[in-house]
């Protein structure tokens, strides 16, 4: 299998762990920019510049980038994986080739662009469970929870005897980490400790090995990387219960794999207990190490991704699936991989039954004026009896808005109502639809018009106003606007800057 990974190159972050794991399962080419020197300076890690390794194809990920040009001749990917990192936009790129695509949203809470990027991919995996519904509401399809993990090649027990009570490596950036800062200060007043804000690779393992207990505080209710990594380093992890909402205690058992505290008073009592009971403490360290290395490595995560995609796209199970190619904007080429139910107005896909099955479609449903059965379709509904039409479907193909005997905007809204959240509308708009029915003059305004109908534009095949043949577009159904999603998501975050939220929304555009 050939996998093209789109991301910012950063050997100091999660991207490298995922890249290393994917390389163990497939032939991989990475595409995207590297970290700029001033970014290292902003983070205070200039000393690690020599550890940075560029992507295989070191190039900006612009919206007009054609992967078939930058990838080697004859190297057609079977899968595209976009890994969110550093605010680098990953939208629209999968539409330059024909193959399934996967989006990994890692720091969703502080990466508002993820909500837009994810709409362009067939499958989305969120590192934090509470963001699954939010991404789906914004228009992403096939969204699942995929927790963070450890990389045993990087996170391992260092050969050292613990000589301090508490060890910590991580950020203490205010105001987001205000509570972490206060808890760490309280521990430092009561116990011997070491706390380092910046360290990478073997340095982290050596520092963590000095602590009898590894302190962690998930600042935004997440199950963060440190939980998995400290366990893989062989240390008993002390972490807060707040991240239970994101699945902490579904992944691990308290007092068996790790130690959970509730508040600043409880944390001292828990530390005192386990310092006084070294056998129990080390038993937790061993059980945590065994569990995380057996179930929660990045290779396990990659296997989950590949199993999920191949379960939806049977063709990927072949040794040489040969799914690569160029998009030519036929309706069949725009059906997302992994869609199960496709509703085809006018029976445009009847010659593409085999191709639809290869993409994962299990039920093709037709809506037409004629009642004669077609072999390609599981069922054909009457165009004149809307009460009988299927609902909550994955894809609708609508070659003409006039088929619904309504004005253009009303036809789009009606089609939208048949879709499941994150469902896809593949729509041909005639020149009349474009200029008169939607009341707009240029293609760039189409995004706003679709948004008013509850859809986010996923991709289109022209940049300006269409010619006589019209334009084919693909859009995803949203159920909530980003402003509301952001407000709900940040309502209970500690000391979140509301202006930052407003700036994010303004940057993405008011139509989101």
Protein backbone atom coordinates (compact mmCIF):
# COMPACT_ATOMS: atom_id res chain seq x y z
CA UNK A 1 0.00 0.00 0.00
CA UNK A 2 1.15 3.54 -0.79
CA UNK A 3 0.27 6.31 1.64
CA UNK A 4 0.78 10.03 1.10
CA UNK A 5 0.91 11.98 4.37
CA UNK A 6 0.14 15.70 4.33
CA UNK A 7 1.44 17.59 7.35
CA UNK A 8 3.99 20.03 8.66
CA UNK A 9 7.27 18.22 9.29
CA UNK A 10 8.08 18.30 12.98
CA UNK A 11 10.24 15.59 14.54
CA UNK A 12 9.54 17.10 17.97
CA UNK A 13 5.79 16.47 17.88
CA UNK A 14 3.16 13.76 17.32
CA UNK A 15 3.46 13.98 13.54
CA UNK A 16 6.73 12.07 13.55
CA UNK A 17 5.31 9.28 15.73
CA UNK A 18 2.46 8.78 13.26
CA UNK A 19 4.80 8.94 10.26
CA UNK A 20 7.11 6.32 11.82
CA UNK A 21 4.16 4.03 12.52
CA UNK A 22 2.70 4.40 9.01
CA UNK A 23 6.12 3.55 7.54
CA UNK A 24 5.96 0.21 9.37
CA UNK A 25 2.77 -0.65 7.51
CA UNK A 26 3.15 0.93 4.07
CA UNK A 27 5.29 2.77 1.55
CA UNK A 28 5.04 6.41 2.64
CA UNK A 29 5.81 9.78 1.10
CA UNK A 30 5.37 12.85 3.31
CA UNK A 31 4.41 16.20 1.78
CA UNK A 32 4.36 19.60 3.45
CA UNK A 33 6.47 22.42 4.87
CA UNK A 34 8.91 22.21 7.74
CA UNK A 35 9.12 24.34 10.85
CA UNK A 36 10.45 27.86 10.28
CA UNK A 37 13.43 28.89 12.45
CA UNK A 38 11.42 31.66 14.11
CA UNK A 39 8.83 29.07 15.23
CA UNK A 40 11.49 27.27 17.23
CA UNK A 41 12.50 30.59 18.72
CA UNK A 42 8.94 31.38 19.71
CA UNK A 43 8.75 28.07 21.54
CA UNK A 44 12.16 28.51 23.16
CA UNK A 45 13.63 25.37 21.61
CA UNK A 46 16.24 26.78 19.22
CA UNK A 47 18.73 24.21 20.56
CA UNK A 48 16.77 21.43 18.89
CA UNK A 49 17.03 22.82 15.36
CA UNK A 50 19.48 20.09 14.35
CA UNK A 51 16.86 17.43 15.15
CA UNK A 52 14.39 18.68 12.57
CA UNK A 53 14.03 16.57 9.43
CA UNK A 54 12.14 17.89 6.37
CA UNK A 55 9.34 16.02 4.65
CA UNK A 56 10.09 13.86 1.63
CA UNK A 57 8.51 16.63 -0.45
CA UNK A 58 9.25 19.94 1.26
CA UNK A 59 6.59 22.25 -0.14
CA UNK A 60 3.84 24.58 1.15
CA UNK A 61 0.40 22.96 1.30
CA UNK A 62 -1.50 25.50 -0.75
CA UNK A 63 -5.05 24.89 -1.96
CA UNK A 64 -3.97 24.78 -5.60
CA UNK A 65 -1.28 22.14 -5.04
CA UNK A 66 -1.67 19.15 -7.37
CA UNK A 67 -0.28 16.05 -5.67
CA UNK A 68 0.11 14.27 -9.00
CA UNK A 69 2.70 16.87 -9.97
CA UNK A 70 4.76 16.84 -6.77
CA UNK A 71 4.67 13.06 -6.21
CA UNK A 72 7.08 10.85 -8.22
CA UNK A 73 5.96 9.73 -11.66
CA UNK A 74 3.87 6.60 -11.41
CA UNK A 75 3.55 6.87 -7.62
CA UNK A 76 -0.22 6.96 -7.11
CA UNK A 77 -1.29 6.90 -3.45
CA UNK A 78 -3.82 4.36 -2.24
CA UNK A 79 -4.57 6.50 0.82
CA UNK A 80 -4.05 10.14 1.77
CA UNK A 81 -3.57 11.01 5.44
CA UNK A 82 -3.72 14.61 6.61
CA UNK A 83 -2.29 15.21 10.10
CA UNK A 84 -3.29 18.50 11.71
CA UNK A 85 -0.26 20.41 12.97
CA UNK A 86 0.63 24.01 13.59
CA UNK A 87 -2.36 25.54 11.83
CA UNK A 88 -1.22 24.35 8.38
CA UNK A 89 -4.34 24.18 6.19
CA UNK A 90 -5.05 20.73 4.74
CA UNK A 91 -8.32 21.47 2.95
CA UNK A 92 -9.18 20.60 -0.69
CA UNK A 93 -5.92 18.74 -1.31
CA UNK A 94 -7.44 15.22 -1.43
CA UNK A 95 -9.50 16.26 -4.45
CA UNK A 96 -6.44 16.23 -6.71
CA UNK A 97 -6.32 12.42 -6.74
CA UNK A 98 -8.84 9.60 -6.55
CA UNK A 99 -8.31 7.56 -3.39
CA UNK A 100 -9.66 7.42 0.17
CA UNK A 101 -8.53 10.13 2.58
CA UNK A 102 -8.13 10.32 6.35
CA UNK A 103 -7.85 13.39 8.59
CA UNK A 104 -6.30 13.29 12.07
CA UNK A 105 -7.44 16.13 14.32
CA UNK A 106 -5.11 16.22 17.31
CA UNK A 107 -5.37 19.54 19.19
CA UNK A 108 -8.91 20.27 18.04
CA UNK A 109 -9.57 22.55 21.00
CA UNK A 110 -7.00 25.07 19.77
CA UNK A 111 -7.11 24.34 16.02
CA UNK A 112 -10.31 25.87 14.64
CA UNK A 113 -9.15 25.22 11.09
CA UNK A 114 -9.57 21.49 11.75
CA UNK A 115 -13.34 21.90 11.49
CA UNK A 116 -12.97 23.18 7.92
CA UNK A 117 -10.16 20.86 6.83
CA UNK A 118 -11.92 17.72 8.07
CA UNK A 119 -14.87 18.34 5.73
CA UNK A 120 -12.61 17.59 2.76
CA UNK A 121 -11.74 14.05 3.92
CA UNK A 122 -13.58 10.74 3.81
CA UNK A 123 -12.71 9.74 7.39
CA UNK A 124 -11.86 11.86 10.43
CA UNK A 125 -10.28 10.70 13.68
CA UNK A 126 -10.37 12.99 16.71
CA UNK A 127 -7.79 12.55 19.47
CA UNK A 128 -10.29 13.72 22.09
CA UNK A 129 -13.70 12.07 22.34
CA UNK A 130 -15.76 15.20 23.05
CA UNK A 131 -14.81 16.62 19.66
CA UNK A 132 -16.29 13.74 17.66
CA UNK A 133 -19.79 15.20 17.77
CA UNK A 134 -18.53 18.74 17.17
CA UNK A 135 -16.57 17.78 14.06
CA UNK A 136 -19.55 15.84 12.77
CA UNK A 137 -21.86 18.80 13.43
CA UNK A 138 -19.52 21.03 11.41
CA UNK A 139 -19.82 18.70 8.40
CA UNK A 140 -17.09 16.05 8.78
CA UNK A 141 -18.01 12.49 7.74
CA UNK A 142 -17.21 9.14 9.38
CA UNK A 143 -15.82 10.75 12.56
CA UNK A 144 -14.39 8.45 15.23
CA UNK A 145 -12.44 8.79 18.45
CA UNK A 146 -8.77 7.80 18.22
CA UNK A 147 -6.82 8.60 21.40
CA UNK A 148 -3.20 9.67 21.49
CA UNK A 149 -0.54 7.06 22.19
CA UNK A 150 3.11 6.32 22.92
CA UNK A 151 6.06 5.45 20.72
CA UNK A 152 8.17 2.78 22.47
CA UNK A 153 11.17 3.73 20.33
CA UNK A 154 11.07 7.22 21.89
CA UNK A 155 9.24 6.68 25.18
CA UNK A 156 10.95 3.98 27.23
CA UNK A 157 12.20 3.32 30.80
CA UNK A 158 15.59 4.95 31.29
CA UNK A 159 18.23 3.07 33.26
CA UNK A 160 18.11 5.09 36.47
CA UNK A 161 17.05 4.79 40.10
CA UNK A 162 14.29 7.22 41.13
CA UNK A 163 15.74 9.66 43.66
CA UNK A 164 12.96 12.28 43.75
CA UNK A 165 9.28 12.10 44.64
CA UNK A 166 7.77 13.91 41.63
CA UNK A 167 8.90 14.32 38.02
CA UNK A 168 7.24 16.51 35.40
CA UNK A 169 8.06 17.55 31.84
CA UNK A 170 5.64 19.81 29.98
CA UNK A 171 4.21 23.27 29.36
CA UNK A 172 3.18 25.69 32.07
CA UNK A 173 1.81 28.41 29.81
CA UNK A 174 -0.63 30.81 31.44
CA UNK A 175 -3.59 31.15 31.48
CA UNK A 176 -4.37 27.75 29.93
CA UNK A 177 -2.10 25.91 32.39
CA UNK A 178 -2.90 28.06 35.42
CA UNK A 179 -4.27 25.13 37.41
CA UNK A 180 -1.38 22.90 36.38
CA UNK A 181 1.01 25.60 37.55
CA UNK A 182 -0.69 25.86 40.95
CA UNK A 183 -0.86 22.10 41.49
CA UNK A 184 2.78 21.66 40.58
CA UNK A 185 3.75 24.47 42.96
CA UNK A 186 1.81 22.77 45.77
CA UNK A 187 3.58 19.48 45.11
CA UNK A 188 6.95 21.21 45.07
CA UNK A 189 6.23 22.67 48.50
CA UNK A 190 5.47 19.25 49.99
CA UNK A 191 7.75 16.85 48.11
CA UNK A 192 11.10 16.64 46.37
CA UNK A 193 10.64 17.16 42.67
CA UNK A 194 12.00 18.01 39.26
CA UNK A 195 10.01 20.02 36.72
CA UNK A 196 11.29 20.79 33.23
CA UNK A 197 9.25 22.79 30.72
CA UNK A 198 11.20 21.93 27.58
CA UNK A 199 12.83 18.60 26.81
CA UNK A 200 12.63 16.07 23.98
CA UNK A 201 13.59 12.51 23.18
CA UNK A 202 15.96 10.68 25.50
CA UNK A 203 16.13 13.74 27.78
CA UNK A 204 12.48 13.27 28.74
CA UNK A 205 13.01 9.61 29.58
CA UNK A 206 16.01 10.45 31.76
CA UNK A 207 14.12 13.19 33.62
CA UNK A 208 11.01 11.09 34.20
CA UNK A 209 13.12 8.20 35.48
CA UNK A 210 14.23 10.35 38.42
CA UNK A 211 10.70 10.60 39.83
CA UNK A 212 9.00 7.98 41.94
CA UNK A 213 5.73 9.39 40.55
CA UNK A 214 5.11 11.16 37.21
CA UNK A 215 2.84 14.18 37.64
CA UNK A 216 0.34 15.12 34.95
CA UNK A 217 -2.50 17.61 34.67
CA UNK A 218 -4.75 17.62 31.61
CA UNK A 219 -5.48 21.34 31.29
CA UNK A 220 -8.39 21.16 28.83
CA UNK A 221 -10.04 17.93 30.02
CA UNK A 222 -8.08 16.01 27.39
CA UNK A 223 -6.30 12.67 27.67
CA UNK A 224 -2.97 14.18 26.73
CA UNK A 225 0.19 12.64 25.34
CA UNK A 226 1.94 12.64 28.72
CA UNK A 227 -0.45 10.01 30.11
CA UNK A 228 0.63 7.45 27.51
CA UNK A 229 4.26 8.51 27.30
CA UNK A 230 4.98 8.50 31.05
CA UNK A 231 3.45 5.03 31.36
CA UNK A 232 5.70 3.83 28.52
CA UNK A 233 8.64 5.26 30.47
CA UNK A 234 7.79 2.92 33.32
CA UNK A 235 6.60 5.55 35.80
CA UNK A 236 3.34 5.48 37.81
CA UNK A 237 1.27 8.32 36.35
CA UNK A 238 -0.61 10.73 38.61
CA UNK A 239 -3.26 12.57 36.61
CA UNK A 240 -6.53 14.49 37.12
CA UNK A 241 -10.02 13.03 36.87
CA UNK A 242 -11.24 15.91 34.65
CA UNK A 243 -10.14 14.03 31.52
CA UNK A 244 -12.62 11.25 32.37
CA UNK A 245 -15.04 12.99 29.98
CA UNK A 246 -12.60 12.25 27.16
CA UNK A 247 -12.32 8.57 28.02
CA UNK A 248 -9.45 8.38 30.52
CA UNK A 249 -11.13 5.70 32.65
CA UNK A 250 -12.34 3.83 29.57
CA UNK A 251 -8.72 3.42 28.54
CA UNK A 252 -7.17 2.86 31.97
CA UNK A 253 -8.22 1.68 35.44
CA UNK A 254 -7.60 3.87 38.48
CA UNK A 255 -5.20 2.40 41.05
CA UNK A 256 -4.25 -0.31 38.58
CA UNK A 257 -2.75 1.39 35.50
CA UNK A 258 -2.48 4.91 36.91
CA UNK A 259 -3.34 7.12 39.89
CA UNK A 260 -6.22 9.61 39.59
CA UNK A 261 -6.66 12.70 41.77
CA UNK A 262 -9.71 14.94 42.13
CA UNK A 263 -8.42 18.28 43.48
CA UNK A 264 -5.53 20.08 45.17
CA UNK A 265 -6.26 18.45 48.55
CA UNK A 266 -6.74 14.98 47.18
CA UNK A 267 -3.53 15.12 45.16
CA UNK A 268 -1.35 15.49 48.26
CA UNK A 269 -3.04 12.60 50.01
CA UNK A 270 -2.65 10.37 46.95
CA UNK A 271 1.06 11.18 46.62
CA UNK A 272 1.68 10.61 50.33
CA UNK A 273 -0.08 7.24 50.20
CA UNK A 274 1.87 5.90 47.26
CA UNK A 275 5.19 7.22 48.50
CA UNK A 276 4.52 5.27 51.72
CA UNK A 277 3.55 2.14 49.75
CA UNK A 278 6.36 1.56 47.24
CA UNK A 279 5.27 -1.96 46.32
CA UNK A 280 1.81 -0.77 45.27
CA UNK A 281 3.35 2.18 43.47
CA UNK A 282 5.71 0.06 41.43
CA UNK A 283 2.95 -2.46 40.70
CA UNK A 284 0.98 0.38 39.09
CA UNK A 285 4.07 1.39 37.11
CA UNK A 286 4.49 -2.14 35.76
CA UNK A 287 0.80 -2.61 34.98
CA UNK A 288 0.63 0.78 33.25
CA UNK A 289 3.71 0.01 31.18
CA UNK A 290 2.42 -3.43 30.17
CA UNK A 291 -1.02 -2.06 29.27
CA UNK A 292 0.07 0.98 27.28
CA UNK A 293 2.72 -0.87 25.27
CA UNK A 294 0.29 -3.72 24.54
CA UNK A 295 -2.67 -1.54 23.50
CA UNK A 296 -1.80 2.13 23.07
CA UNK A 297 1.15 2.68 20.74
CA UNK A 298 1.03 4.73 17.55
CA UNK A 299 1.32 1.49 15.62
CA UNK A 300 -1.91 0.36 17.28
CA UNK A 301 -3.50 3.64 16.18
CA UNK A 302 -2.32 3.22 12.60
CA UNK A 303 -3.69 -0.32 12.54
CA UNK A 304 -7.05 1.03 13.75
CA UNK A 305 -7.07 3.63 10.99
CA UNK A 306 -6.26 1.09 8.29
CA UNK A 307 -8.78 -1.44 9.64
CA UNK A 308 -11.50 1.23 9.72
CA UNK A 309 -10.84 2.43 6.19
CA UNK A 310 -10.50 -1.04 4.66
CA UNK A 311 -13.74 -2.11 6.38
CA UNK A 312 -15.49 0.69 4.48
CA UNK A 313 -13.50 0.48 1.23
CA UNK A 314 -13.13 -3.17 0.18
CA UNK A 315 -10.73 -2.36 -2.66
CA UNK A 316 -8.06 -1.32 -0.15
CA UNK A 317 -7.85 -4.89 1.11
CA UNK A 318 -6.15 -5.86 -2.15
CA UNK A 319 -2.37 -5.96 -2.26
CA UNK A 320 -2.40 -3.53 -5.19
CA UNK A 321 -5.69 -1.65 -4.96
CA UNK A 322 -4.75 0.75 -7.80
CA UNK A 323 -7.10 3.47 -6.57
CA UNK A 324 -4.95 6.38 -7.78
CA UNK A 325 -5.87 8.71 -10.60
CA UNK A 326 -7.03 12.20 -11.50
CA UNK A 327 -10.39 13.66 -10.63
CA UNK A 328 -12.37 14.44 -13.79
CA UNK A 329 -15.45 15.63 -11.89
CA UNK A 330 -17.81 12.90 -13.02
CA UNK A 331 -20.50 12.32 -10.42
CA UNK A 332 -19.09 8.87 -9.60
CA UNK A 333 -15.63 10.29 -8.89
CA UNK A 334 -17.05 12.71 -6.35
CA UNK A 335 -18.82 10.10 -4.22
CA UNK A 336 -16.77 9.98 -1.00
CA UNK A 337 -15.07 6.75 0.00
CA UNK A 338 -16.75 5.07 2.93
CA UNK A 339 -20.28 6.24 2.07
CA UNK A 340 -22.80 3.45 2.55
CA UNK A 341 -26.06 4.81 1.13
CA UNK A 342 -26.17 6.84 -2.09
CA UNK A 343 -29.40 8.41 -3.36
CA UNK A 344 -29.18 9.06 -7.09
CA UNK A 345 -31.74 11.45 -8.58
CA UNK A 346 -32.21 10.64 -12.25
CA UNK A 347 -30.21 7.36 -12.22
CA UNK A 348 -26.89 8.87 -13.29
CA UNK A 349 -24.76 6.19 -11.60
CA UNK A 350 -26.31 3.05 -13.07
CA UNK A 351 -23.18 2.31 -15.13
CA UNK A 352 -20.92 2.79 -12.10
CA UNK A 353 -22.20 0.03 -9.81
CA UNK A 354 -18.83 -1.78 -9.58
CA UNK A 355 -16.99 1.47 -8.91
CA UNK A 356 -19.46 2.36 -6.15
CA UNK A 357 -18.95 -1.02 -4.50
CA UNK A 358 -15.17 -0.50 -4.61
CA UNK A 359 -15.66 2.80 -2.80
CA UNK A 360 -17.64 1.08 -0.04
CA UNK A 361 -21.19 1.85 -1.14
CA UNK A 362 -23.53 -0.92 0.02
CA UNK A 363 -26.86 0.51 -1.10
CA UNK A 364 -27.56 2.50 -4.25
CA UNK A 365 -31.02 4.03 -4.20
CA UNK A 366 -32.56 5.68 -7.23
CA UNK A 367 -35.21 8.38 -7.47
CA UNK A 368 -36.72 8.71 -10.94
CA UNK A 369 -39.93 9.36 -12.83
CA UNK A 370 -39.80 5.91 -14.41
CA UNK A 371 -40.73 2.95 -12.24
CA UNK A 372 -38.86 0.21 -14.10
CA UNK A 373 -36.27 -1.59 -11.94
CA UNK A 374 -32.59 -1.11 -12.65
CA UNK A 375 -30.06 -3.81 -11.76
CA UNK A 376 -27.61 -1.31 -10.31
CA UNK A 377 -30.05 -0.08 -7.64
CA UNK A 378 -31.33 -1.70 -4.48
CA UNK A 379 -34.57 0.23 -4.83
CA UNK A 380 -36.03 2.97 -7.02
CA UNK A 381 -38.41 5.52 -5.54
CA UNK A 382 -40.92 7.59 -7.42
CA UNK A 383 -39.88 11.15 -8.10
CA UNK A 384 -43.47 12.21 -7.53
CA UNK A 385 -43.81 10.75 -4.02
CA UNK A 386 -41.38 12.56 -1.73
CA UNK A 387 -43.01 11.11 1.39
CA UNK A 388 -41.45 7.76 0.55
CA UNK A 389 -37.88 9.00 -0.08
CA UNK A 390 -35.11 7.66 2.20
CA UNK A 391 -33.72 9.87 4.98
CA UNK A 392 -30.40 10.17 6.85
CA UNK A 393 -28.38 8.99 3.83
CA UNK A 394 -24.67 9.51 3.22
CA UNK A 395 -24.71 10.91 -0.33
CA UNK A 396 -27.19 12.57 -2.67
CA UNK A 397 -26.45 13.05 -6.36
CA UNK A 398 -28.60 15.81 -7.86
CA UNK A 399 -27.82 16.52 -11.53
CA UNK A 400 -30.53 19.19 -11.89
CA UNK A 401 -32.25 21.25 -9.22
CA UNK A 402 -35.26 21.38 -11.54
CA UNK A 403 -35.90 17.70 -10.76
CA UNK A 404 -37.31 18.84 -7.42
CA UNK A 405 -39.63 21.36 -9.07
CA UNK A 406 -38.51 24.08 -6.70
CA UNK A 407 -36.40 27.20 -6.72
CA UNK A 408 -32.67 26.52 -6.58
CA UNK A 409 -32.16 27.38 -2.91
CA UNK A 410 -35.26 25.46 -1.86
CA UNK A 411 -34.12 22.43 -3.88
CA UNK A 412 -30.73 22.50 -2.12
CA UNK A 413 -32.41 22.74 1.29
CA UNK A 414 -34.75 19.89 0.43
CA UNK A 415 -31.87 17.68 -0.65
CA UNK A 416 -29.97 18.64 2.52
CA UNK A 417 -32.87 17.44 4.67
CA UNK A 418 -32.42 13.93 3.27
CA UNK A 419 -28.76 13.78 4.38
CA UNK A 420 -27.25 12.55 7.63
CA UNK A 421 -24.95 15.00 9.46
CA UNK A 422 -21.72 15.22 7.49
CA UNK A 423 -23.50 13.80 4.44
CA UNK A 424 -22.45 14.85 0.95
CA UNK A 425 -24.47 16.60 -1.74
CA UNK A 426 -23.07 16.30 -5.27
CA UNK A 427 -24.81 18.96 -7.27
CA UNK A 428 -24.76 20.26 -10.83
CA UNK A 429 -25.75 23.91 -11.04
CA UNK A 430 -26.71 25.27 -14.41
CA UNK A 431 -25.70 28.73 -15.51
CA UNK A 432 -29.27 29.78 -14.69
CA UNK A 433 -29.07 28.22 -11.20
CA UNK A 434 -25.80 29.94 -10.60
CA UNK A 435 -26.60 33.48 -11.67
CA UNK A 436 -30.36 33.68 -11.21
CA UNK A 437 -31.53 30.84 -8.99
CA UNK A 438 -28.90 31.53 -6.36
CA UNK A 439 -28.68 35.22 -7.10
CA UNK A 440 -24.89 35.32 -7.29
CA UNK A 441 -22.44 36.32 -9.97
CA UNK A 442 -19.17 34.49 -9.19
CA UNK A 443 -18.17 31.06 -8.01
CA UNK A 444 -16.49 32.51 -4.91
CA UNK A 445 -19.90 33.66 -3.69
CA UNK A 446 -21.29 30.15 -4.05
CA UNK A 447 -19.78 29.18 -0.69
CA UNK A 448 -21.87 31.81 1.06
CA UNK A 449 -25.02 30.79 -0.78
CA UNK A 450 -24.59 27.11 0.11
CA UNK A 451 -23.92 28.02 3.71
CA UNK A 452 -27.24 29.81 3.88
CA UNK A 453 -28.78 26.48 2.87
CA UNK A 454 -26.96 24.62 5.69
CA UNK A 455 -24.13 23.27 3.53
CA UNK A 456 -20.38 23.80 3.48
CA UNK A 457 -18.74 23.82 0.05
CA UNK A 458 -16.30 20.92 -0.12
CA UNK A 459 -14.98 21.40 -3.63
CA UNK A 460 -15.94 22.66 -7.09
CA UNK A 461 -14.49 22.37 -10.57
CA UNK A 462 -14.29 26.03 -11.56
CA UNK A 463 -12.88 29.15 -9.96
CA UNK A 464 -15.08 31.75 -11.58
CA UNK A 465 -18.56 31.94 -13.04
CA UNK A 466 -19.52 28.79 -15.00
CA UNK A 467 -20.02 28.52 -18.72
CA UNK A 468 -23.08 27.22 -20.50
CA UNK A 469 -22.57 23.70 -19.10
CA UNK A 470 -22.81 24.90 -15.52
CA UNK A 471 -20.70 23.66 -12.61
CA UNK A 472 -20.52 20.53 -10.47
CA UNK A 473 -19.90 21.08 -6.77
CA UNK A 474 -19.66 18.89 -3.68
CA UNK A 475 -20.83 20.11 -0.29
CA UNK A 476 -21.17 18.67 3.22
CA UNK A 477 -24.16 19.01 5.52
CA UNK A 478 -23.55 20.85 8.77
CA UNK A 479 -25.95 20.93 11.70
CA UNK A 480 -24.31 23.68 13.75
CA UNK A 481 -22.27 26.76 12.85
CA UNK A 482 -18.71 27.00 14.11
CA UNK A 483 -19.45 30.02 16.26
CA UNK A 484 -21.85 27.91 18.33
CA UNK A 485 -19.52 24.90 18.36
CA UNK A 486 -16.67 27.07 19.63
CA UNK A 487 -18.79 28.70 22.29
CA UNK A 488 -20.01 25.34 23.57
CA UNK A 489 -16.51 23.89 23.51
CA UNK A 490 -14.82 26.74 25.34
CA UNK A 491 -17.55 27.55 27.84
CA UNK A 492 -15.91 25.58 30.66
CA UNK A 493 -12.24 25.93 29.74
CA UNK A 494 -10.20 27.68 32.45
CA UNK A 495 -9.57 31.37 31.76
CA UNK A 496 -10.08 31.05 28.02
CA UNK A 497 -9.53 34.31 26.17
CA UNK A 498 -12.87 35.16 24.54
CA UNK A 499 -11.22 37.56 22.12
CA UNK A 500 -9.12 34.71 20.78
CA UNK A 501 -12.32 32.83 20.04
CA UNK A 502 -13.76 35.81 18.17
CA UNK A 503 -10.53 36.21 16.21
CA UNK A 504 -10.66 32.56 15.14
CA UNK A 505 -14.19 32.87 13.87
CA UNK A 506 -13.35 36.07 11.99
CA UNK A 507 -10.30 34.42 10.42
CA UNK A 508 -12.32 31.46 9.14
CA UNK A 509 -15.03 33.71 7.77
CA UNK A 510 -18.47 34.68 8.96
CA UNK A 511 -20.16 32.12 6.70
CA UNK A 512 -18.79 29.29 8.87
